[in-house]
Amino acid sequence: MKNLRKKRNILFSFSFLLVLVFSSFSVSSVSRESKAKKTRIKVSAYNIRYNADADVKGGNGWDIRKKPLAELIEKHGFEIVGTQEGDKQQMSDLRTLLPAYEQVSYPYGGKGDLHTAAILYKKDRFEVLDQGVFWLSETPDEPSMGWDATDRRICSWAKFKEKKSGKTFYFFNVHFYWRLEVAKRESGPLMVRKIKEIAGDAPAVCVGDFNSTSETSQILAMKASMQDAYDATETTRKGIEDTNLGGGNFLGPAKGRIDYIFVSKNIRVKDYEVYSDRYNGDRYPSDHLPLASTIEF
């Protein structure tokens, strides 16, 4: 009887050990699988300043600053960048200086839609599945000037597939009108509505120059629907807070946070940084500072 009880105890112990081993293996496999499914992307917003004659006279012309601006994007590993203001020639120059990136772009603003709202992306990592544009106006689906604005403002967007994982997400890039209040105020709720209409419940990122500080109704409208990466970052923010140097000012100091990265609520923000890289000693490559976040979904 003792030997039988002893054998049963040994058998029970062995069975329990097998359960532990397989459970551990199963949990470990699930953990690895869960980790493998997460996608991380470094996204950025950067108003690169149009090629103004006044800048040339002041020693800050595009031909001087385009290389340090491209080097900044490459150096800090921005994988998708929403740019504002650059004209067709500026975007062509960036295509040459940043051969690892492709572009989705659309003209807007200025005299005769001379500016460009462009999305630069690492072409070896991402594929564009769809793209489009809408206008910041009462009739967003047709070329139009909105409310009290004096030129046309737009949001360009793209649906991306991350090639390795096959995951899809949306990226929106916008430039709000800058001077009069109605156009800015109305653009916030419009953005919320159009992002929901286009992206649905899919992961979505919206970056740009909103020409609005964080307490304004248009930014509060965005925050009610999406997360401000400035607030949502899971690690300590890096760099200064303000992003706007002032029109045509390449020396600083910055005065106001008007450039943003917003993400849908199914995206995690791992970090947030405003970059203050300079060239020729004290010059910034643009009159805005770029910001970037690593996002995960």
Protein backbone atom coordinates (compact mmCIF):
# COMPACT_ATOMS: atom_id res chain seq x y z
CA MET A 1 0.00 0.00 0.00
CA LYS A 2 2.85 2.36 0.88
CA ASN A 3 4.55 1.71 -2.46
CA LEU A 4 1.27 2.34 -4.31
CA ARG A 5 0.75 5.64 -2.46
CA LYS A 6 4.35 6.63 -3.18
CA LYS A 7 3.91 5.87 -6.90
CA ARG A 8 0.71 7.94 -6.96
CA ASN A 9 2.50 10.88 -5.32
CA ILE A 10 5.36 10.65 -7.82
CA LEU A 11 2.89 10.46 -10.71
CA PHE A 12 0.93 13.46 -9.37
CA SER A 13 4.11 15.48 -8.91
CA PHE A 14 5.29 14.66 -12.40
CA SER A 15 1.89 15.55 -13.89
CA PHE A 16 1.85 18.85 -11.97
CA LEU A 17 5.36 19.63 -13.20
CA LEU A 18 4.28 18.96 -16.80
CA VAL A 19 1.30 21.30 -16.38
CA LEU A 20 3.62 24.04 -15.07
CA VAL A 21 6.08 23.59 -17.93
CA PHE A 22 3.40 23.70 -20.62
CA SER A 23 1.62 26.61 -18.94
CA SER A 24 4.86 28.54 -18.77
CA PHE A 25 5.58 27.75 -22.41
CA SER A 26 2.06 28.82 -23.41
CA VAL A 27 2.21 32.11 -21.48
CA SER A 28 5.68 32.81 -22.86
CA SER A 29 4.47 32.12 -26.41
CA VAL A 30 1.44 34.37 -26.00
CA SER A 31 3.64 37.08 -24.52
CA ARG A 32 6.08 36.87 -27.43
CA GLU A 33 3.23 36.81 -29.93
CA SER A 34 1.57 39.81 -28.27
CA LYS A 35 4.84 41.72 -28.29
CA ALA A 36 5.50 40.86 -31.92
CA LYS A 37 2.11 42.23 -32.92
CA LYS A 38 2.89 45.73 -31.66
CA THR A 39 3.93 48.26 -34.28
CA ARG A 40 6.07 51.29 -33.43
CA ILE A 41 6.42 54.31 -35.70
CA LYS A 42 8.17 57.65 -35.21
CA VAL A 43 5.83 60.37 -36.52
CA SER A 44 6.58 64.06 -36.86
CA ALA A 45 5.09 67.47 -37.64
CA TYR A 46 7.27 70.09 -39.31
CA ASN A 47 6.34 73.44 -40.86
CA ILE A 48 9.36 73.92 -43.15
CA ARG A 49 8.64 77.57 -44.11
CA TYR A 50 7.98 78.56 -47.70
CA ASN A 51 10.77 79.93 -49.90
CA ALA A 52 10.28 83.64 -49.19
CA ASP A 53 12.25 86.39 -50.94
CA ALA A 54 12.67 88.14 -47.59
CA ASP A 55 14.44 85.06 -46.21
CA VAL A 56 16.97 85.14 -49.04
CA LYS A 57 17.79 88.76 -48.28
CA GLY A 58 18.19 87.94 -44.60
CA GLY A 59 20.61 85.06 -45.26
CA ASN A 60 18.01 82.35 -44.50
CA GLY A 61 17.03 81.35 -48.03
CA TRP A 62 15.86 77.84 -48.80
CA ASP A 63 19.04 77.01 -50.72
CA ILE A 64 21.01 77.59 -47.52
CA ARG A 65 18.76 75.83 -45.04
CA LYS A 66 17.39 72.90 -47.07
CA LYS A 67 20.33 70.59 -46.36
CA PRO A 68 20.37 71.05 -42.56
CA LEU A 69 16.57 70.64 -42.55
CA ALA A 70 16.82 67.33 -44.44
CA GLU A 71 19.67 66.20 -42.20
CA LEU A 72 17.54 66.88 -39.11
CA ILE A 73 14.74 64.64 -40.44
CA GLU A 74 17.18 61.85 -41.24
CA LYS A 75 19.32 62.19 -38.12
CA HIS A 76 16.40 61.82 -35.72
CA GLY A 77 14.82 58.92 -37.56
CA PHE A 78 11.47 60.49 -38.42
CA GLU A 79 9.61 57.76 -40.32
CA ILE A 80 6.49 59.69 -41.34
CA VAL A 81 6.57 63.51 -41.42
CA GLY A 82 3.72 65.90 -42.09
CA THR A 83 5.17 69.09 -43.59
CA GLN A 84 3.48 72.41 -44.25
CA GLU A 85 4.23 75.38 -46.54
CA GLY A 86 6.95 73.95 -48.78
CA ASP A 87 6.31 74.67 -52.46
CA LYS A 88 6.72 72.23 -55.34
CA GLN A 89 10.43 72.99 -55.79
CA GLN A 90 11.14 72.65 -52.07
CA MET A 91 9.47 69.25 -51.98
CA SER A 92 11.43 68.21 -55.07
CA ASP A 93 14.64 69.23 -53.30
CA LEU A 94 13.68 67.16 -50.25
CA ARG A 95 13.00 64.18 -52.49
CA THR A 96 16.59 64.47 -53.75
CA LEU A 97 18.08 65.06 -50.30
CA LEU A 98 16.02 62.28 -48.67
CA PRO A 99 16.09 59.39 -51.16
CA ALA A 100 14.78 56.92 -48.56
CA TYR A 101 11.48 58.84 -48.40
CA GLU A 102 8.52 59.06 -50.76
CA GLN A 103 5.87 61.80 -50.67
CA VAL A 104 2.12 62.30 -50.75
CA SER A 105 1.32 65.98 -51.31
CA TYR A 106 -1.32 68.49 -52.31
CA PRO A 107 -1.12 72.26 -53.00
CA TYR A 108 -2.91 74.93 -50.97
CA GLY A 109 -2.72 78.51 -49.69
CA GLY A 110 -0.80 81.61 -50.68
CA LYS A 111 -1.32 83.17 -54.10
CA GLY A 112 -2.49 80.42 -56.42
CA ASP A 113 -2.08 77.49 -54.00
CA LEU A 114 1.71 77.76 -53.95
CA HIS A 115 2.22 75.94 -50.65
CA THR A 116 2.18 72.16 -50.23
CA ALA A 117 0.79 69.96 -47.45
CA ALA A 118 3.02 66.91 -47.84
CA ILE A 119 3.47 63.60 -46.06
CA LEU A 120 6.99 62.18 -46.26
CA TYR A 121 7.32 58.49 -45.42
CA LYS A 122 9.99 55.79 -45.40
CA LYS A 123 9.22 53.93 -48.60
CA ASP A 124 10.94 50.69 -47.57
CA ARG A 125 8.64 50.38 -44.55
CA PHE A 126 5.29 51.79 -45.65
CA GLU A 127 2.95 51.45 -48.61
CA VAL A 128 0.19 53.94 -49.46
CA LEU A 129 -3.16 52.19 -49.93
CA ASP A 130 -5.28 55.31 -50.37
CA GLN A 131 -4.93 59.08 -50.19
CA GLY A 132 -7.00 62.21 -50.37
CA VAL A 133 -7.57 65.81 -49.37
CA PHE A 134 -10.31 67.97 -47.92
CA TRP A 135 -10.61 71.73 -47.62
CA LEU A 136 -11.04 73.61 -44.35
CA SER A 137 -14.31 75.26 -45.29
CA GLU A 138 -18.07 74.91 -45.25
CA THR A 139 -17.73 72.69 -48.35
CA PRO A 140 -14.76 70.45 -47.45
CA ASP A 141 -15.12 68.04 -50.34
CA GLU A 142 -14.51 70.62 -53.04
CA PRO A 143 -11.73 73.23 -53.53
CA SER A 144 -12.90 76.17 -51.43
CA MET A 145 -11.92 78.93 -49.04
CA GLY A 146 -13.52 78.72 -45.64
CA TRP A 147 -15.31 81.20 -43.42
CA ASP A 148 -13.24 84.41 -42.97
CA ALA A 149 -9.98 83.01 -44.39
CA THR A 150 -8.20 84.79 -47.23
CA ASP A 151 -6.61 81.72 -48.80
CA ARG A 152 -7.42 78.02 -49.10
CA ARG A 153 -6.35 75.67 -46.32
CA ILE A 154 -6.44 71.88 -46.49
CA CYS A 155 -5.83 68.58 -44.79
CA SER A 156 -4.03 65.95 -46.86
CA TRP A 157 -4.26 62.34 -45.73
CA ALA A 158 -3.03 58.85 -46.54
CA LYS A 159 -3.95 55.33 -45.55
CA PHE A 160 -0.75 53.38 -44.92
CA LYS A 161 0.15 49.73 -44.62
CA GLU A 162 3.18 48.81 -42.55
CA LYS A 163 4.77 46.28 -44.88
CA LYS A 164 6.21 43.88 -42.31
CA SER A 165 3.11 43.45 -40.16
CA GLY A 166 0.44 44.26 -42.72
CA LYS A 167 -1.19 46.64 -40.26
CA THR A 168 -3.01 49.67 -41.63
CA PHE A 169 -3.49 53.15 -40.20
CA TYR A 170 -4.34 56.70 -41.31
CA PHE A 171 -2.14 59.78 -41.26
CA PHE A 172 -3.62 63.30 -41.55
CA ASN A 173 -1.56 66.43 -42.15
CA VAL A 174 -3.15 69.87 -41.75
CA HIS A 175 -2.36 73.58 -41.74
CA PHE A 176 -4.99 75.82 -40.13
CA TYR A 177 -5.52 79.40 -41.29
CA TRP A 178 -3.40 81.79 -39.22
CA ARG A 179 -4.85 85.28 -38.96
CA LEU A 180 -8.64 85.48 -38.46
CA GLU A 181 -10.50 83.62 -35.76
CA VAL A 182 -13.61 82.12 -37.36
CA ALA A 183 -11.67 79.94 -39.80
CA LYS A 184 -9.47 78.62 -37.00
CA ARG A 185 -12.40 78.03 -34.64
CA GLU A 186 -14.49 76.16 -37.21
CA SER A 187 -11.59 74.06 -38.48
CA GLY A 188 -11.31 72.08 -35.21
CA PRO A 189 -14.78 70.49 -35.26
CA LEU A 190 -14.47 69.95 -39.01
CA MET A 191 -11.23 68.01 -38.53
CA VAL A 192 -12.84 65.79 -35.88
CA ARG A 193 -15.78 65.01 -38.16
CA LYS A 194 -13.69 64.30 -41.27
CA ILE A 195 -11.15 62.11 -39.46
CA LYS A 196 -14.01 59.98 -38.08
CA GLU A 197 -15.64 59.85 -41.51
CA ILE A 198 -12.44 58.75 -43.28
CA ALA A 199 -10.66 56.60 -40.68
CA GLY A 200 -13.58 55.22 -38.70
CA ASP A 201 -12.24 53.22 -35.75
CA ALA A 202 -8.85 52.50 -37.37
CA PRO A 203 -5.66 53.86 -35.75
CA ALA A 204 -5.25 57.49 -36.85
CA VAL A 205 -2.58 60.17 -36.47
CA CYS A 206 -3.18 63.86 -37.15
CA VAL A 207 -0.25 66.28 -37.23
CA GLY A 208 0.21 69.84 -38.33
CA ASP A 209 0.51 73.53 -37.75
CA PHE A 210 -2.80 74.42 -36.10
CA ASN A 211 -1.91 78.10 -35.57
CA SER A 212 -3.70 77.76 -32.21
CA THR A 213 -2.60 77.43 -28.61
CA SER A 214 -3.84 74.62 -26.40
CA GLU A 215 -6.65 76.50 -24.62
CA THR A 216 -8.50 77.51 -27.81
CA SER A 217 -11.84 75.90 -28.66
CA GLN A 218 -10.46 74.33 -31.86
CA ILE A 219 -7.70 72.49 -29.98
CA LEU A 220 -10.11 71.48 -27.21
CA ALA A 221 -12.34 69.99 -29.91
CA MET A 222 -9.40 67.93 -31.17
CA LYS A 223 -8.54 66.83 -27.62
CA ALA A 224 -12.10 65.69 -26.97
CA SER A 225 -11.77 63.20 -29.82
CA MET A 226 -8.03 62.38 -29.93
CA GLN A 227 -5.03 62.37 -27.61
CA ASP A 228 -2.53 65.22 -27.65
CA ALA A 229 0.87 63.48 -27.71
CA TYR A 230 2.19 66.28 -25.49
CA ASP A 231 -0.12 65.06 -22.71
CA ALA A 232 -0.29 61.36 -23.58
CA THR A 233 3.43 60.55 -23.66
CA GLU A 234 4.35 57.68 -21.33
CA THR A 235 7.84 59.09 -20.74
CA THR A 236 9.12 62.52 -19.81
CA ARG A 237 8.81 65.12 -22.57
CA LYS A 238 12.08 66.27 -24.11
CA GLY A 239 13.01 69.63 -25.60
CA ILE A 240 11.35 72.97 -25.12
CA GLU A 241 7.57 73.41 -25.09
CA ASP A 242 7.07 76.12 -27.71
CA THR A 243 7.33 75.37 -31.43
CA ASN A 244 6.66 78.72 -33.17
CA LEU A 245 9.61 81.05 -33.78
CA GLY A 246 7.46 83.63 -35.58
CA GLY A 247 7.10 84.18 -39.33
CA GLY A 248 10.50 84.45 -40.98
CA ASN A 249 12.41 84.26 -37.70
CA PHE A 250 15.17 81.66 -37.72
CA LEU A 251 16.94 82.69 -34.53
CA GLY A 252 14.34 82.27 -31.78
CA PRO A 253 13.26 82.26 -29.08
CA ALA A 254 10.16 80.18 -29.73
CA LYS A 255 6.89 81.66 -28.53
CA GLY A 256 3.86 79.43 -28.41
CA ARG A 257 2.97 75.75 -28.91
CA ILE A 258 0.92 75.73 -32.10
CA ASP A 259 2.21 72.54 -33.79
CA TYR A 260 0.70 69.25 -32.63
CA ILE A 261 0.64 65.49 -32.91
CA PHE A 262 -2.78 63.99 -32.16
CA VAL A 263 -3.44 60.25 -32.08
CA SER A 264 -6.62 58.20 -31.79
CA LYS A 265 -7.38 56.61 -28.45
CA ASN A 266 -6.32 53.14 -29.61
CA ILE A 267 -2.70 54.35 -30.02
CA ARG A 268 -0.10 54.63 -27.24
CA VAL A 269 2.41 57.49 -27.21
CA LYS A 270 5.80 56.28 -26.01
CA ASP A 271 7.65 59.62 -26.13
CA TYR A 272 7.46 63.26 -27.20
CA GLU A 273 10.22 65.66 -28.21
CA VAL A 274 10.64 69.11 -29.74
CA TYR A 275 13.94 69.39 -31.65
CA SER A 276 16.13 72.48 -31.52
CA ASP A 277 18.90 71.51 -33.95
CA ARG A 278 20.75 74.53 -35.39
CA TYR A 279 23.23 75.12 -38.17
CA ASN A 280 25.79 77.87 -38.82
CA GLY A 281 26.01 78.31 -35.08
CA ASP A 282 22.64 79.82 -34.21
CA ARG A 283 20.22 79.37 -37.12
CA TYR A 284 17.21 77.06 -37.12
CA PRO A 285 16.37 75.38 -40.47
CA SER A 286 12.81 76.76 -40.32
CA ASP A 287 10.74 79.30 -38.40
CA HIS A 288 9.01 76.38 -36.65
CA LEU A 289 10.64 73.66 -34.58
CA PRO A 290 9.82 70.06 -35.50
CA LEU A 291 8.23 67.71 -32.98
CA ALA A 292 8.05 63.93 -33.02
CA SER A 293 6.63 61.01 -31.07
CA THR A 294 7.11 57.27 -31.15
CA ILE A 295 3.65 55.74 -31.28
CA GLU A 296 2.60 52.13 -30.72
CA PHE A 297 -0.50 50.17 -31.70
